[in-house]
């Protein structure tokens, strides 16, 4: 019986999903509640960070852990090294100047660690 893709360590996107010794030792730079600022810039190629959030401040609400880098996967590369992914909450009024909703409304976005800096 042939082995499945999963048993050979190949993920559903056809990318080799090898365990890295770094993954267990990988530390997140930010903890829940940390104030962060999304970096600005317009890299060429695939990018998961929404343009409208660049330069804005938010707060880490969840540390999702290390994942293969989708910005590399988007170019057909293996996606290593893995990047820590965070769910960051942003005040809607800081994103949309004419926002008419409740003052406490937020937007959550999943952002990779290399796109975040500590908020000053």
PDB file of N, CA and C in Angstrom:
ATOM      1  N   UNK A   1       0.849  -1.186   0.000  1.00  0.00           N
ATOM      2  CA  UNK A   1       0.000   0.000   0.000  1.00  0.00           C
ATOM      3  C   UNK A   1       0.888   1.241   0.000  1.00  0.00           C
ATOM      4  N   UNK A   2       0.685   2.191  -0.926  1.00  0.00           N
ATOM      5  CA  UNK A   2       1.531   3.380  -0.968  1.00  0.00           C
ATOM      6  C   UNK A   2       1.264   4.282   0.231  1.00  0.00           C
ATOM      7  N   UNK A   3       2.308   4.935   0.677  1.00  0.00           N
ATOM      8  CA  UNK A   3       2.157   5.861   1.803  1.00  0.00           C
ATOM      9  C   UNK A   3       1.458   7.132   1.330  1.00  0.00           C
ATOM     10  N   UNK A   4       0.704   7.722   2.221  1.00  0.00           N
ATOM     11  CA  UNK A   4       0.012   8.963   1.868  1.00  0.00           C
ATOM     12  C   UNK A   4       1.005  10.114   1.863  1.00  0.00           C
ATOM     13  N   UNK A   5       0.599  11.232   1.264  1.00  0.00           N
ATOM     14  CA  UNK A   5       1.445  12.426   1.263  1.00  0.00           C
ATOM     15  C   UNK A   5       1.763  12.839   2.692  1.00  0.00           C
ATOM     16  N   UNK A   6       0.769  12.729   3.565  1.00  0.00           N
ATOM     17  CA  UNK A   6       0.964  13.147   4.943  1.00  0.00           C
ATOM     18  C   UNK A   6       2.025  12.293   5.622  1.00  0.00           C
ATOM     19  N   UNK A   7       1.999  11.002   5.377  1.00  0.00           N
ATOM     20  CA  UNK A   7       2.963  10.134   6.043  1.00  0.00           C
ATOM     21  C   UNK A   7       4.381  10.370   5.541  1.00  0.00           C
ATOM     22  N   UNK A   8       4.529  10.936   4.358  1.00  0.00           N
ATOM     23  CA  UNK A   8       5.859  11.261   3.841  1.00  0.00           C
ATOM     24  C   UNK A   8       6.286  12.657   4.282  1.00  0.00           C
ATOM     25  N   UNK A   9       5.451  13.327   5.066  1.00  0.00           N
ATOM     26  CA  UNK A   9       5.803  14.646   5.550  1.00  0.00           C
ATOM     27  C   UNK A   9       5.532  15.768   4.559  1.00  0.00           C
ATOM     28  N   UNK A  10       4.633  15.528   3.603  1.00  0.00           N
ATOM     29  CA  UNK A  10       4.297  16.557   2.631  1.00  0.00           C
ATOM     30  C   UNK A  10       2.929  17.110   2.986  1.00  0.00           C
ATOM     31  N   UNK A  11       2.856  18.433   3.142  1.00  0.00           N
ATOM     32  CA  UNK A  11       1.613  19.083   3.529  1.00  0.00           C
ATOM     33  C   UNK A  11       0.636  19.165   2.374  1.00  0.00           C
ATOM     34  N   UNK A  12      -0.555  19.673   2.646  1.00  0.00           N
ATOM     35  CA  UNK A  12      -1.602  19.722   1.633  1.00  0.00           C
ATOM     36  C   UNK A  12      -1.271  20.667   0.493  1.00  0.00           C
ATOM     37  N   UNK A  13      -0.319  21.563   0.676  1.00  0.00           N
ATOM     38  CA  UNK A  13       0.087  22.443  -0.416  1.00  0.00           C
ATOM     39  C   UNK A  13       1.251  21.857  -1.200  1.00  0.00           C
ATOM     40  N   UNK A  14       1.638  20.624  -0.864  1.00  0.00           N
ATOM     41  CA  UNK A  14       2.742  19.990  -1.566  1.00  0.00           C
ATOM     42  C   UNK A  14       4.100  20.436  -1.070  1.00  0.00           C
ATOM     43  N   UNK A  15       4.144  21.153   0.037  1.00  0.00           N
ATOM     44  CA  UNK A  15       5.404  21.643   0.595  1.00  0.00           C
ATOM     45  C   UNK A  15       5.860  20.691   1.682  1.00  0.00           C
ATOM     46  N   UNK A  16       7.112  20.322   1.641  1.00  0.00           N
ATOM     47  CA  UNK A  16       7.672  19.423   2.647  1.00  0.00           C
ATOM     48  C   UNK A  16       7.538  20.073   4.017  1.00  0.00           C
ATOM     49  N   UNK A  17       6.867  19.408   4.929  1.00  0.00           N
ATOM     50  CA  UNK A  17       6.609  19.920   6.270  1.00  0.00           C
ATOM     51  C   UNK A  17       7.534  19.222   7.257  1.00  0.00           C
ATOM     52  N   UNK A  18       8.789  19.558   7.257  1.00  0.00           N
ATOM     53  CA  UNK A  18       9.700  18.902   8.178  1.00  0.00           C
ATOM     54  C   UNK A  18       9.691  19.631   9.509  1.00  0.00           C
ATOM     55  N   UNK A  19       9.835  18.847  10.559  1.00  0.00           N
ATOM     56  CA  UNK A  19       9.924  19.452  11.883  1.00  0.00           C
ATOM     57  C   UNK A  19      11.295  20.087  12.012  1.00  0.00           C
ATOM     58  N   UNK A  20      11.324  21.259  12.563  1.00  0.00           N
ATOM     59  CA  UNK A  20      12.583  21.956  12.762  1.00  0.00           C
ATOM     60  C   UNK A  20      12.896  21.980  14.244  1.00  0.00           C
ATOM     61  N   UNK A  21      14.142  21.744  14.579  1.00  0.00           N
ATOM     62  CA  UNK A  21      14.544  21.819  15.980  1.00  0.00           C
ATOM     63  C   UNK A  21      14.316  23.221  16.516  1.00  0.00           C
ATOM     64  N   UNK A  22      14.365  24.229  15.637  1.00  0.00           N
ATOM     65  CA  UNK A  22      14.146  25.608  16.061  1.00  0.00           C
ATOM     66  C   UNK A  22      12.714  25.837  16.538  1.00  0.00           C
ATOM     67  N   UNK A  23      11.747  25.091  15.965  1.00  0.00           N
ATOM     68  CA  UNK A  23      10.336  25.335  16.270  1.00  0.00           C
ATOM     69  C   UNK A  23      10.037  25.189  17.751  1.00  0.00           C
ATOM     70  N   UNK A  24      10.604  24.169  18.392  1.00  0.00           N
ATOM     71  CA  UNK A  24      10.339  23.963  19.812  1.00  0.00           C
ATOM     72  C   UNK A  24      11.000  25.034  20.658  1.00  0.00           C
ATOM     73  N   UNK A  25      12.115  25.565  20.185  1.00  0.00           N
ATOM     74  CA  UNK A  25      12.845  26.579  20.933  1.00  0.00           C
ATOM     75  C   UNK A  25      12.448  27.996  20.525  1.00  0.00           C
ATOM     76  N   UNK A  26      11.617  28.127  19.479  1.00  0.00           N
ATOM     77  CA  UNK A  26      11.251  29.446  18.969  1.00  0.00           C
ATOM     78  C   UNK A  26      10.463  30.212  20.022  1.00  0.00           C
ATOM     79  N   UNK A  27      10.930  31.385  20.319  1.00  0.00           N
ATOM     80  CA  UNK A  27      10.272  32.246  21.308  1.00  0.00           C
ATOM     81  C   UNK A  27       9.563  33.379  20.574  1.00  0.00           C
ATOM     82  N   UNK A  28       8.383  33.698  21.062  1.00  0.00           N
ATOM     83  CA  UNK A  28       7.691  34.833  20.483  1.00  0.00           C
ATOM     84  C   UNK A  28       8.273  36.118  21.069  1.00  0.00           C
ATOM     85  N   UNK A  29       8.349  37.123  20.234  1.00  0.00           N
ATOM     86  CA  UNK A  29       8.901  38.421  20.636  1.00  0.00           C
ATOM     87  C   UNK A  29       7.909  39.217  21.469  1.00  0.00           C
ATOM     88  N   UNK A  30       6.611  39.003  21.229  1.00  0.00           N
ATOM     89  CA  UNK A  30       5.567  39.771  21.904  1.00  0.00           C
ATOM     90  C   UNK A  30       4.638  38.844  22.675  1.00  0.00           C
ATOM     91  N   UNK A  31       4.168  39.333  23.799  1.00  0.00           N
ATOM     92  CA  UNK A  31       3.200  38.590  24.611  1.00  0.00           C
ATOM     93  C   UNK A  31       1.811  39.190  24.401  1.00  0.00           C
ATOM     94  N   UNK A  32       0.810  38.475  24.859  1.00  0.00           N
ATOM     95  CA  UNK A  32      -0.562  38.975  24.795  1.00  0.00           C
ATOM     96  C   UNK A  32      -0.631  40.300  25.551  1.00  0.00           C
ATOM     97  N   UNK A  33      -1.259  41.276  24.932  1.00  0.00           N
ATOM     98  CA  UNK A  33      -1.396  42.603  25.534  1.00  0.00           C
ATOM     99  C   UNK A  33      -0.318  43.580  25.100  1.00  0.00           C
ATOM    100  N   UNK A  34       0.726  43.107  24.412  1.00  0.00           N
ATOM    101  CA  UNK A  34       1.812  43.987  23.985  1.00  0.00           C
ATOM    102  C   UNK A  34       1.323  44.988  22.948  1.00  0.00           C
ATOM    103  N   UNK A  35       1.757  46.240  23.103  1.00  0.00           N
ATOM    104  CA  UNK A  35       1.451  47.280  22.121  1.00  0.00           C
ATOM    105  C   UNK A  35       2.463  47.165  20.987  1.00  0.00           C
ATOM    106  N   UNK A  36       1.960  47.072  19.761  1.00  0.00           N
ATOM    107  CA  UNK A  36       2.825  46.910  18.593  1.00  0.00           C
ATOM    108  C   UNK A  36       2.433  47.917  17.517  1.00  0.00           C
ATOM    109  N   UNK A  37       3.362  48.109  16.592  1.00  0.00           N
ATOM    110  CA  UNK A  37       3.116  48.977  15.438  1.00  0.00           C
ATOM    111  C   UNK A  37       3.472  48.182  14.196  1.00  0.00           C
ATOM    112  N   UNK A  38       2.596  48.221  13.206  1.00  0.00           N
ATOM    113  CA  UNK A  38       2.832  47.504  11.954  1.00  0.00           C
ATOM    114  C   UNK A  38       3.831  48.307  11.130  1.00  0.00           C
ATOM    115  N   UNK A  39       4.833  47.614  10.621  1.00  0.00           N
ATOM    116  CA  UNK A  39       5.849  48.270   9.788  1.00  0.00           C
ATOM    117  C   UNK A  39       5.224  48.788   8.495  1.00  0.00           C
ATOM    118  N   UNK A  40       5.857  49.799   7.948  1.00  0.00           N
ATOM    119  CA  UNK A  40       5.424  50.325   6.657  1.00  0.00           C
ATOM    120  C   UNK A  40       6.308  49.708   5.574  1.00  0.00           C
ATOM    121  N   UNK A  41       5.953  49.907   4.369  1.00  0.00           N
ATOM    122  CA  UNK A  41       6.741  49.383   3.261  1.00  0.00           C
ATOM    123  C   UNK A  41       5.856  48.692   2.256  1.00  0.00           C
ATOM    124  N   UNK A  42       6.382  48.526   1.073  1.00  0.00           N
ATOM    125  CA  UNK A  42       5.653  47.846   0.011  1.00  0.00           C
ATOM    126  C   UNK A  42       6.602  46.868  -0.678  1.00  0.00           C
ATOM    127  N   UNK A  43       6.766  45.689  -0.080  1.00  0.00           N
ATOM    128  CA  UNK A  43       7.658  44.702  -0.695  1.00  0.00           C
ATOM    129  C   UNK A  43       7.090  44.213  -2.023  1.00  0.00           C
ATOM    130  N   UNK A  44       7.974  43.751  -2.883  1.00  0.00           N
ATOM    131  CA  UNK A  44       7.505  43.193  -4.143  1.00  0.00           C
ATOM    132  C   UNK A  44       6.993  41.784  -3.898  1.00  0.00           C
ATOM    133  N   UNK A  45       6.078  41.354  -4.704  1.00  0.00           N
ATOM    134  CA  UNK A  45       5.573  39.994  -4.597  1.00  0.00           C
ATOM    135  C   UNK A  45       4.475  39.840  -3.568  1.00  0.00           C
ATOM    136  N   UNK A  46       4.302  38.620  -3.108  1.00  0.00           N
ATOM    137  CA  UNK A  46       3.226  38.254  -2.190  1.00  0.00           C
ATOM    138  C   UNK A  46       3.469  38.830  -0.800  1.00  0.00           C
ATOM    139  N   UNK A  47       2.444  39.400  -0.209  1.00  0.00           N
ATOM    140  CA  UNK A  47       2.539  39.953   1.145  1.00  0.00           C
ATOM    141  C   UNK A  47       1.177  39.800   1.820  1.00  0.00           C
ATOM    142  N   UNK A  48       1.159  39.259   3.041  1.00  0.00           N
ATOM    143  CA  UNK A  48      -0.099  39.031   3.753  1.00  0.00           C
ATOM    144  C   UNK A  48      -0.529  40.203   4.619  1.00  0.00           C
ATOM    145  N   UNK A  49       0.333  41.175   4.830  1.00  0.00           N
ATOM    146  CA  UNK A  49       0.005  42.271   5.736  1.00  0.00           C
ATOM    147  C   UNK A  49      -0.837  43.312   4.998  1.00  0.00           C
ATOM    148  N   UNK A  50      -2.070  43.539   5.468  1.00  0.00           N
ATOM    149  CA  UNK A  50      -2.931  44.504   4.769  1.00  0.00           C
ATOM    150  C   UNK A  50      -2.300  45.891   4.721  1.00  0.00           C
ATOM    151  N   UNK A  51      -2.346  46.486   3.554  1.00  0.00           N
ATOM    152  CA  UNK A  51      -1.749  47.805   3.352  1.00  0.00           C
ATOM    153  C   UNK A  51      -2.366  48.843   4.296  1.00  0.00           C
ATOM    154  N   UNK A  52      -3.672  48.772   4.504  1.00  0.00           N
ATOM    155  CA  UNK A  52      -4.368  49.774   5.313  1.00  0.00           C
ATOM    156  C   UNK A  52      -4.005  49.710   6.799  1.00  0.00           C
ATOM    157  N   UNK A  53      -3.291  48.652   7.230  1.00  0.00           N
ATOM    158  CA  UNK A  53      -2.866  48.558   8.629  1.00  0.00           C
ATOM    159  C   UNK A  53      -1.413  48.997   8.837  1.00  0.00           C
ATOM    160  N   UNK A  54      -0.689  49.186   7.757  1.00  0.00           N
ATOM    161  CA  UNK A  54       0.735  49.541   7.874  1.00  0.00           C
ATOM    162  C   UNK A  54       0.887  50.921   8.507  1.00  0.00           C
ATOM    163  N   UNK A  55       1.751  50.978   9.515  1.00  0.00           N
ATOM    164  CA  UNK A  55       1.989  52.213  10.246  1.00  0.00           C
ATOM    165  C   UNK A  55       1.067  52.410  11.435  1.00  0.00           C
ATOM    166  N   UNK A  56       0.080  51.528  11.601  1.00  0.00           N
ATOM    167  CA  UNK A  56      -0.876  51.678  12.706  1.00  0.00           C
ATOM    168  C   UNK A  56      -0.447  50.899  13.943  1.00  0.00           C
ATOM    169  N   UNK A  57      -0.945  51.346  15.082  1.00  0.00           N
ATOM    170  CA  UNK A  57      -0.674  50.688  16.359  1.00  0.00           C
ATOM    171  C   UNK A  57      -1.846  49.779  16.729  1.00  0.00           C
ATOM    172  N   UNK A  58      -1.495  48.663  17.353  1.00  0.00           N
ATOM    173  CA  UNK A  58      -2.511  47.734  17.821  1.00  0.00           C
ATOM    174  C   UNK A  58      -2.002  47.002  19.041  1.00  0.00           C
ATOM    175  N   UNK A  59      -2.781  46.005  19.488  1.00  0.00           N
ATOM    176  CA  UNK A  59      -2.414  45.207  20.649  1.00  0.00           C
ATOM    177  C   UNK A  59      -2.522  43.734  20.313  1.00  0.00           C
ATOM    178  N   UNK A  60      -1.513  42.970  20.734  1.00  0.00           N
ATOM    179  CA  UNK A  60      -1.526  41.524  20.512  1.00  0.00           C
ATOM    180  C   UNK A  60      -2.627  40.913  21.368  1.00  0.00           C
ATOM    181  N   UNK A  61      -3.539  40.168  20.737  1.00  0.00           N
ATOM    182  CA  UNK A  61      -4.613  39.514  21.494  1.00  0.00           C
ATOM    183  C   UNK A  61      -4.402  38.004  21.586  1.00  0.00           C
ATOM    184  N   UNK A  62      -3.665  37.436  20.611  1.00  0.00           N
ATOM    185  CA  UNK A  62      -3.390  35.993  20.609  1.00  0.00           C
ATOM    186  C   UNK A  62      -2.017  35.775  19.972  1.00  0.00           C
ATOM    187  N   UNK A  63      -1.242  34.882  20.574  1.00  0.00           N
ATOM    188  CA  UNK A  63       0.000  34.424  19.951  1.00  0.00           C
ATOM    189  C   UNK A  63      -0.343  33.089  19.302  1.00  0.00           C
ATOM    190  N   UNK A  64      -0.378  33.061  17.981  1.00  0.00           N
ATOM    191  CA  UNK A  64      -0.806  31.868  17.254  1.00  0.00           C
ATOM    192  C   UNK A  64       0.310  30.843  17.074  1.00  0.00           C
ATOM    193  N   UNK A  65       1.563  31.276  17.218  1.00  0.00           N
ATOM    194  CA  UNK A  65       2.689  30.360  17.130  1.00  0.00           C
ATOM    195  C   UNK A  65       3.403  30.417  15.802  1.00  0.00           C
ATOM    196  N   UNK A  66       4.418  29.543  15.632  1.00  0.00           N
ATOM    197  CA  UNK A  66       5.216  29.568  14.397  1.00  0.00           C
ATOM    198  C   UNK A  66       4.522  28.867  13.230  1.00  0.00           C
ATOM    199  N   UNK A  67       4.626  29.479  12.064  1.00  0.00           N
ATOM    200  CA  UNK A  67       4.057  28.937  10.831  1.00  0.00           C
ATOM    201  C   UNK A  67       5.071  29.102   9.713  1.00  0.00           C
ATOM    202  N   UNK A  68       4.927  28.278   8.684  1.00  0.00           N
ATOM    203  CA  UNK A  68       5.720  28.500   7.482  1.00  0.00           C
ATOM    204  C   UNK A  68       5.398  29.891   6.951  1.00  0.00           C
ATOM    205  N   UNK A  69       6.381  30.575   6.428  1.00  0.00           N
ATOM    206  CA  UNK A  69       6.225  31.952   5.957  1.00  0.00           C
ATOM    207  C   UNK A  69       5.444  31.978   4.644  1.00  0.00           C
ATOM    208  N   UNK A  70       4.187  32.451   4.662  1.00  0.00           N
ATOM    209  CA  UNK A  70       3.376  32.462   3.447  1.00  0.00           C
ATOM    210  C   UNK A  70       3.918  33.415   2.382  1.00  0.00           C
ATOM    211  N   UNK A  71       4.715  34.399   2.786  1.00  0.00           N
ATOM    212  CA  UNK A  71       5.299  35.313   1.816  1.00  0.00           C
ATOM    213  C   UNK A  71       6.339  34.588   0.957  1.00  0.00           C
ATOM    214  N   UNK A  72       6.979  33.567   1.527  1.00  0.00           N
ATOM    215  CA  UNK A  72       7.908  32.732   0.756  1.00  0.00           C
ATOM    216  C   UNK A  72       7.150  31.645   0.008  1.00  0.00           C
ATOM    217  N   UNK A  73       6.152  31.048   0.661  1.00  0.00           N
ATOM    218  CA  UNK A  73       5.348  30.013   0.009  1.00  0.00           C
ATOM    219  C   UNK A  73       4.687  30.559  -1.256  1.00  0.00           C
ATOM    220  N   UNK A  74       4.290  31.830  -1.222  1.00  0.00           N
ATOM    221  CA  UNK A  74       3.650  32.466  -2.364  1.00  0.00           C
ATOM    222  C   UNK A  74       4.557  32.558  -3.589  1.00  0.00           C
ATOM    223  N   UNK A  75       5.851  32.394  -3.359  1.00  0.00           N
ATOM    224  CA  UNK A  75       6.829  32.420  -4.460  1.00  0.00           C
ATOM    225  C   UNK A  75       7.356  31.024  -4.768  1.00  0.00           C
ATOM    226  N   UNK A  76       6.692  30.003  -4.202  1.00  0.00           N
ATOM    227  CA  UNK A  76       7.094  28.626  -4.457  1.00  0.00           C
ATOM    228  C   UNK A  76       8.299  28.181  -3.651  1.00  0.00           C
ATOM    229  N   UNK A  77       8.689  28.950  -2.635  1.00  0.00           N
ATOM    230  CA  UNK A  77       9.812  28.589  -1.770  1.00  0.00           C
ATOM    231  C   UNK A  77       9.299  27.781  -0.583  1.00  0.00           C
ATOM    232  N   UNK A  78      10.175  27.069   0.113  1.00  0.00           N
ATOM    233  CA  UNK A  78       9.731  26.195   1.211  1.00  0.00           C
ATOM    234  C   UNK A  78       9.071  26.904   2.393  1.00  0.00           C
ATOM    235  N   UNK A  79       9.331  28.165   2.648  1.00  0.00           N
ATOM    236  CA  UNK A  79       8.673  28.869   3.748  1.00  0.00           C
ATOM    237  C   UNK A  79       9.451  28.893   5.041  1.00  0.00           C
ATOM    238  N   UNK A  80      10.718  28.513   4.997  1.00  0.00           N
ATOM    239  CA  UNK A  80      11.561  28.551   6.188  1.00  0.00           C
ATOM    240  C   UNK A  80      12.428  29.798   6.165  1.00  0.00           C
ATOM    241  N   UNK A  81      12.800  30.351   7.308  1.00  0.00           N
ATOM    242  CA  UNK A  81      12.437  29.882   8.639  1.00  0.00           C
ATOM    243  C   UNK A  81      10.975  30.200   8.937  1.00  0.00           C
ATOM    244  N   UNK A  82      10.423  29.437   9.854  1.00  0.00           N
ATOM    245  CA  UNK A  82       9.048  29.705  10.277  1.00  0.00           C
ATOM    246  C   UNK A  82       8.991  31.076  10.939  1.00  0.00           C
ATOM    247  N   UNK A  83       7.817  31.676  10.903  1.00  0.00           N
ATOM    248  CA  UNK A  83       7.589  32.996  11.506  1.00  0.00           C
ATOM    249  C   UNK A  83       6.472  32.878  12.535  1.00  0.00           C
ATOM    250  N   UNK A  84       6.623  33.590  13.647  1.00  0.00           N
ATOM    251  CA  UNK A  84       5.564  33.612  14.662  1.00  0.00           C
ATOM    252  C   UNK A  84       4.441  34.513  14.147  1.00  0.00           C
ATOM    253  N   UNK A  85       3.217  34.002  14.263  1.00  0.00           N
ATOM    254  CA  UNK A  85       2.031  34.720  13.813  1.00  0.00           C
ATOM    255  C   UNK A  85       1.247  35.203  15.029  1.00  0.00           C
ATOM    256  N   UNK A  86       0.805  36.440  14.962  1.00  0.00           N
ATOM    257  CA  UNK A  86       0.043  37.064  16.051  1.00  0.00           C
ATOM    258  C   UNK A  86      -1.303  37.535  15.536  1.00  0.00           C
ATOM    259  N   UNK A  87      -2.304  37.491  16.400  1.00  0.00           N
ATOM    260  CA  UNK A  87      -3.575  38.167  16.109  1.00  0.00           C
ATOM    261  C   UNK A  87      -3.487  39.512  16.822  1.00  0.00           C
ATOM    262  N   UNK A  88      -3.640  40.579  16.060  1.00  0.00           N
ATOM    263  CA  UNK A  88      -3.493  41.932  16.593  1.00  0.00           C
ATOM    264  C   UNK A  88      -4.818  42.661  16.450  1.00  0.00           C
ATOM    265  N   UNK A  89      -5.243  43.336  17.512  1.00  0.00           N
ATOM    266  CA  UNK A  89      -6.489  44.112  17.528  1.00  0.00           C
ATOM    267  C   UNK A  89      -6.171  45.580  17.251  1.00  0.00           C
ATOM    268  N   UNK A  90      -6.964  46.177  16.379  1.00  0.00           N
ATOM    269  CA  UNK A  90      -6.813  47.593  16.025  1.00  0.00           C
ATOM    270  C   UNK A  90      -8.129  48.308  16.291  1.00  0.00           C
ATOM    271  N   UNK A  91      -8.048  49.514  16.823  1.00  0.00           N
ATOM    272  CA  UNK A  91      -9.226  50.344  17.031  1.00  0.00           C
ATOM    273  C   UNK A  91      -9.744  50.771  15.651  1.00  0.00           C
ATOM    274  N   UNK A  92     -11.016  50.502  15.395  1.00  0.00           N
ATOM    275  CA  UNK A  92     -11.605  50.829  14.091  1.00  0.00           C
ATOM    276  C   UNK A  92     -11.448  52.316  13.735  1.00  0.00           C
ATOM    277  N   UNK A  93     -11.544  53.162  14.736  1.00  0.00           N
ATOM    278  CA  UNK A  93     -11.455  54.612  14.472  1.00  0.00           C
ATOM    279  C   UNK A  93     -10.056  55.021  14.005  1.00  0.00           C
ATOM    280  N   UNK A  94      -9.040  54.248  14.359  1.00  0.00           N
ATOM    281  CA  UNK A  94      -7.689  54.552  13.883  1.00  0.00           C
ATOM    282  C   UNK A  94      -7.489  54.096  12.443  1.00  0.00           C
ATOM    283  N   UNK A  95      -8.285  53.142  12.011  1.00  0.00           N
ATOM    284  CA  UNK A  95      -8.165  52.621  10.642  1.00  0.00           C
ATOM    285  C   UNK A  95      -8.980  53.468   9.676  1.00  0.00           C
ATOM    286  N   UNK A  96     -10.220  53.726  10.071  1.00  0.00           N
ATOM    287  CA  UNK A  96     -11.169  54.433   9.196  1.00  0.00           C
ATOM    288  C   UNK A  96     -11.553  55.745   9.870  1.00  0.00           C
ATOM    289  N   UNK A  97     -11.028  56.879   9.437  1.00  0.00           N
ATOM    290  CA  UNK A  97     -11.302  58.168  10.102  1.00  0.00           C
ATOM    291  C   UNK A  97     -12.786  58.515  10.218  1.00  0.00           C
ATOM    292  N   UNK A  98     -13.609  58.065   9.262  1.00  0.00           N
ATOM    293  CA  UNK A  98     -15.041  58.388   9.291  1.00  0.00           C
ATOM    294  C   UNK A  98     -15.874  57.275   9.914  1.00  0.00           C
ATOM    295  N   UNK A  99     -15.248  56.387  10.658  1.00  0.00           N
ATOM    296  CA  UNK A  99     -15.967  55.243  11.241  1.00  0.00           C
ATOM    297  C   UNK A  99     -17.059  55.734  12.188  1.00  0.00           C
ATOM    298  N   UNK A 100     -18.275  55.220  12.004  1.00  0.00           N
ATOM    299  CA  UNK A 100     -19.437  55.679  12.779  1.00  0.00           C
ATOM    300  C   UNK A 100     -19.913  54.660  13.814  1.00  0.00           C
ATOM    301  N   UNK A 101     -19.202  53.544  13.956  1.00  0.00           N
ATOM    302  CA  UNK A 101     -19.619  52.510  14.902  1.00  0.00           C
ATOM    303  C   UNK A 101     -19.288  52.871  16.341  1.00  0.00           C
ATOM    304  N   UNK A 102     -19.496  51.908  17.215  1.00  0.00           N
ATOM    305  CA  UNK A 102     -19.255  52.096  18.650  1.00  0.00           C
ATOM    306  C   UNK A 102     -17.777  52.392  18.909  1.00  0.00           C
ATOM    307  N   UNK A 103     -17.496  53.212  19.915  1.00  0.00           N
ATOM    308  CA  UNK A 103     -16.115  53.593  20.218  1.00  0.00           C
ATOM    309  C   UNK A 103     -15.184  52.413  20.497  1.00  0.00           C
ATOM    310  N   UNK A 104     -15.684  51.315  21.028  1.00  0.00           N
ATOM    311  CA  UNK A 104     -14.833  50.173  21.366  1.00  0.00           C
ATOM    312  C   UNK A 104     -14.662  49.145  20.254  1.00  0.00           C
ATOM    313  N   UNK A 105     -15.214  49.410  19.068  1.00  0.00           N
ATOM    314  CA  UNK A 105     -15.127  48.444  17.969  1.00  0.00           C
ATOM    315  C   UNK A 105     -13.678  48.261  17.521  1.00  0.00           C
ATOM    316  N   UNK A 106     -13.306  47.003  17.304  1.00  0.00           N
ATOM    317  CA  UNK A 106     -11.949  46.698  16.862  1.00  0.00           C
ATOM    318  C   UNK A 106     -11.981  45.806  15.631  1.00  0.00           C
ATOM    319  N   UNK A 107     -10.847  45.745  14.976  1.00  0.00           N
ATOM    320  CA  UNK A 107     -10.630  44.843  13.865  1.00  0.00           C
ATOM    321  C   UNK A 107      -9.454  43.957  14.255  1.00  0.00           C
ATOM    322  N   UNK A 108      -9.560  42.649  14.017  1.00  0.00           N
ATOM    323  CA  UNK A 108      -8.475  41.717  14.319  1.00  0.00           C
ATOM    324  C   UNK A 108      -7.825  41.277  13.018  1.00  0.00           C
ATOM    325  N   UNK A 109      -6.505  41.254  13.010  1.00  0.00           N
ATOM    326  CA  UNK A 109      -5.759  40.804  11.830  1.00  0.00           C
ATOM    327  C   UNK A 109      -4.621  39.906  12.290  1.00  0.00           C
ATOM    328  N   UNK A 110      -4.352  38.853  11.528  1.00  0.00           N
ATOM    329  CA  UNK A 110      -3.232  37.962  11.808  1.00  0.00           C
ATOM    330  C   UNK A 110      -2.013  38.510  11.074  1.00  0.00           C
ATOM    331  N   UNK A 111      -0.963  38.829  11.842  1.00  0.00           N
ATOM    332  CA  UNK A 111       0.219  39.485  11.278  1.00  0.00           C
ATOM    333  C   UNK A 111       1.475  38.749  11.741  1.00  0.00           C
ATOM    334  N   UNK A 112       2.360  38.508  10.796  1.00  0.00           N
ATOM    335  CA  UNK A 112       3.621  37.833  11.094  1.00  0.00           C
ATOM    336  C   UNK A 112       4.567  38.756  11.860  1.00  0.00           C
ATOM    337  N   UNK A 113       5.380  38.141  12.724  1.00  0.00           N
ATOM    338  CA  UNK A 113       6.253  38.896  13.628  1.00  0.00           C
ATOM    339  C   UNK A 113       7.184  39.871  12.919  1.00  0.00           C
ATOM    340  N   UNK A 114       7.706  39.503  11.747  1.00  0.00           N
ATOM    341  CA  UNK A 114       8.659  40.387  11.080  1.00  0.00           C
ATOM    342  C   UNK A 114       8.009  41.662  10.543  1.00  0.00           C
ATOM    343  N   UNK A 115       6.686  41.757  10.634  1.00  0.00           N
ATOM    344  CA  UNK A 115       5.978  42.972  10.240  1.00  0.00           C
ATOM    345  C   UNK A 115       5.663  43.866  11.441  1.00  0.00           C
ATOM    346  N   UNK A 116       6.043  43.443  12.639  1.00  0.00           N
ATOM    347  CA  UNK A 116       5.697  44.200  13.850  1.00  0.00           C
ATOM    348  C   UNK A 116       6.922  44.765  14.534  1.00  0.00           C
ATOM    349  N   UNK A 117       6.739  45.958  15.100  1.00  0.00           N
ATOM    350  CA  UNK A 117       7.735  46.608  15.956  1.00  0.00           C
ATOM    351  C   UNK A 117       7.052  46.954  17.262  1.00  0.00           C
ATOM    352  N   UNK A 118       7.827  47.129  18.345  1.00  0.00           N
ATOM    353  CA  UNK A 118       7.207  47.592  19.586  1.00  0.00           C
ATOM    354  C   UNK A 118       6.632  48.993  19.367  1.00  0.00           C
ATOM    355  N   UNK A 119       5.445  49.267  19.909  1.00  0.00           N
ATOM    356  CA  UNK A 119       4.865  50.607  19.802  1.00  0.00           C
ATOM    357  C   UNK A 119       5.620  51.521  20.743  1.00  0.00           C
ATOM    358  N   UNK A 120       5.897  52.719  20.289  1.00  0.00           N
ATOM    359  CA  UNK A 120       6.660  53.674  21.110  1.00  0.00           C
ATOM    360  C   UNK A 120       5.776  54.428  22.030  1.00  0.00           C
TER     361      UNK A 120
END
